[in-house]
Amino acid sequence: MTLQALADRLEIIEVCTRLHWCVDHRDWDGLDDLLADYVSFPTPAELVAPGFDPADYRRSRDEVKAAYPGLLAGLITQHLIAGHQVELAGDGAVCRAHSINVHLPERVEDGEHGESRALVQIGRASCRER
């Protein structure tokens, strides 16, 4: 592997890490440096649609930035990403990684003793850069 390929891999991993950081810290303007003009950004309902193809759900950077606050309203989040597998191909790349996504309600009024419940999603994250 060349020094340039190694640098490219590290830069792509950094983009994936910073994306999760921006989401958890609600830094929507920070996404400007991370997202292409158009990205694949399916909603949770679209992800489970029969015949799902991420290419069918391209949205502009501005649409993504506008959607995030509504998607995460009332939640405290922590997104952990690891195990990055970067495939370089010319001026493009694909990064696949494991992701643990913790979503907790900001306020809990459930149960006699105020017990909280968390929705924990364990899955794969995929970042593409061109």
Protein backbone atom coordinates (compact mmCIF):
# COMPACT_ATOMS: atom_id res chain seq x y z
CA MET A 1 0.00 0.00 0.00
CA THR A 2 1.35 3.41 -0.94
CA LEU A 3 1.71 6.29 1.47
CA GLN A 4 -1.00 8.16 -0.50
CA ALA A 5 -3.40 5.21 -0.25
CA LEU A 6 -2.81 5.05 3.50
CA ALA A 7 -3.43 8.80 3.83
CA ASP A 8 -6.64 8.47 1.77
CA ARG A 9 -7.86 5.62 3.98
CA LEU A 10 -7.24 7.63 7.16
CA GLU A 11 -8.99 10.68 5.73
CA ILE A 12 -12.07 8.60 4.84
CA ILE A 13 -12.17 7.02 8.31
CA GLU A 14 -11.92 10.53 9.78
CA VAL A 15 -14.92 11.66 7.69
CA CYS A 16 -17.00 8.77 9.07
CA THR A 17 -15.94 9.54 12.65
CA ARG A 18 -16.61 13.27 12.28
CA LEU A 19 -20.04 12.58 10.75
CA HIS A 20 -21.07 10.67 13.87
CA TRP A 21 -19.56 13.38 16.08
CA CYS A 22 -21.52 16.12 14.29
CA VAL A 23 -24.76 14.17 14.69
CA ASP A 24 -24.23 13.53 18.40
CA HIS A 25 -23.28 17.16 19.05
CA ARG A 26 -25.99 18.57 16.74
CA ASP A 27 -23.34 20.38 14.71
CA TRP A 28 -25.35 20.56 11.50
CA ASP A 29 -23.05 23.14 9.90
CA GLY A 30 -20.12 20.77 10.50
CA LEU A 31 -21.72 18.46 7.95
CA ASP A 32 -20.86 20.97 5.21
CA ASP A 33 -17.24 19.78 5.24
CA LEU A 34 -18.20 16.10 5.31
CA LEU A 35 -21.08 15.52 2.91
CA ALA A 36 -21.01 15.70 -0.88
CA ASP A 37 -23.60 17.87 -2.64
CA TYR A 38 -25.86 14.78 -2.84
CA VAL A 39 -25.70 11.70 -0.60
CA SER A 40 -27.68 8.53 -0.05
CA PHE A 41 -29.82 9.26 3.01
CA PRO A 42 -32.76 6.88 3.38
CA THR A 43 -35.24 7.28 6.22
CA PRO A 44 -35.69 4.39 8.68
CA ALA A 45 -38.86 3.35 6.82
CA GLU A 46 -37.09 3.42 3.45
CA LEU A 47 -34.25 1.23 4.80
CA VAL A 48 -36.63 -1.67 5.32
CA ALA A 49 -38.55 -1.28 2.05
CA PRO A 50 -38.58 -4.33 -0.21
CA GLY A 51 -35.86 -4.10 -2.85
CA PHE A 52 -34.01 -1.36 -0.94
CA ASP A 53 -31.25 0.28 -2.98
CA PRO A 54 -29.40 3.21 -1.35
CA ALA A 55 -28.94 4.86 -4.75
CA ASP A 56 -32.70 5.44 -4.89
CA TYR A 57 -32.59 7.74 -1.85
CA ARG A 58 -30.23 10.53 -2.86
CA ARG A 59 -30.83 13.81 -1.10
CA SER A 60 -29.03 17.13 -1.10
CA ARG A 61 -26.74 18.13 1.74
CA ASP A 62 -29.26 20.83 2.71
CA GLU A 63 -32.10 18.27 2.82
CA VAL A 64 -30.04 16.04 5.11
CA LYS A 65 -29.15 18.93 7.41
CA ALA A 66 -32.80 19.95 7.57
CA ALA A 67 -33.97 16.38 8.30
CA TYR A 68 -31.61 15.53 11.16
CA PRO A 69 -33.14 17.79 13.86
CA GLY A 70 -36.59 16.26 13.31
CA LEU A 71 -35.24 12.71 13.24
CA LEU A 72 -33.41 13.19 16.53
CA ALA A 73 -35.86 15.47 18.33
CA GLY A 74 -36.24 14.51 21.98
CA LEU A 75 -33.27 12.14 21.91
CA ILE A 76 -29.81 12.07 23.37
CA THR A 77 -27.58 10.08 21.02
CA GLN A 78 -24.22 8.38 20.99
CA HIS A 79 -22.95 6.78 17.79
CA LEU A 80 -19.88 4.56 18.01
CA ILE A 81 -18.18 3.38 14.82
CA ALA A 82 -15.32 0.91 14.44
CA GLY A 83 -13.91 -1.82 12.23
CA HIS A 84 -13.61 0.40 9.16
CA GLN A 85 -13.04 -1.44 5.88
CA VAL A 86 -12.00 1.08 3.22
CA GLU A 87 -12.00 0.16 -0.48
CA LEU A 88 -10.24 2.68 -2.71
CA ALA A 89 -11.14 2.79 -6.40
CA GLY A 90 -9.60 5.62 -8.42
CA ASP A 91 -11.03 8.90 -7.16
CA GLY A 92 -13.82 7.12 -5.24
CA ALA A 93 -13.97 5.01 -2.12
CA VAL A 94 -16.35 3.01 0.03
CA CYS A 95 -15.98 2.66 3.78
CA ARG A 96 -17.96 -0.01 5.62
CA ALA A 97 -17.91 -0.18 9.40
CA HIS A 98 -19.77 -1.51 12.39
CA SER A 99 -21.89 1.04 14.19
CA ILE A 100 -23.55 1.03 17.59
CA ASN A 101 -26.21 3.73 17.81
CA VAL A 102 -27.61 4.58 21.24
CA HIS A 103 -30.74 6.74 21.34
CA LEU A 104 -32.10 7.75 24.74
CA PRO A 105 -35.09 9.96 25.44
CA GLU A 106 -34.15 13.37 26.86
CA ARG A 107 -36.90 13.01 29.45
CA VAL A 108 -38.19 9.79 30.92
CA GLU A 109 -41.51 9.57 32.66
CA ASP A 110 -41.94 5.82 32.49
CA GLY A 111 -42.46 3.45 35.34
CA GLU A 112 -42.95 3.90 39.02
CA HIS A 113 -39.29 4.65 39.71
CA GLY A 114 -38.51 6.63 36.57
CA GLU A 115 -36.81 3.72 34.83
CA SER A 116 -35.38 4.59 31.46
CA ARG A 117 -35.41 2.55 28.31
CA ALA A 118 -32.95 2.88 25.49
CA LEU A 119 -33.22 2.01 21.86
CA VAL A 120 -29.88 0.54 20.84
CA GLN A 121 -29.30 -0.13 17.17
CA ILE A 122 -26.34 -2.25 16.17
CA GLY A 123 -25.64 -2.29 12.50
CA ARG A 124 -23.33 -1.24 9.72
CA ALA A 125 -22.45 2.24 8.68
CA SER A 126 -21.39 2.97 5.14
CA CYS A 127 -19.63 6.12 4.03
CA ARG A 128 -18.83 6.85 0.42
CA GLU A 129 -16.50 9.54 -0.79
CA ARG A 130 -15.93 10.81 -4.30
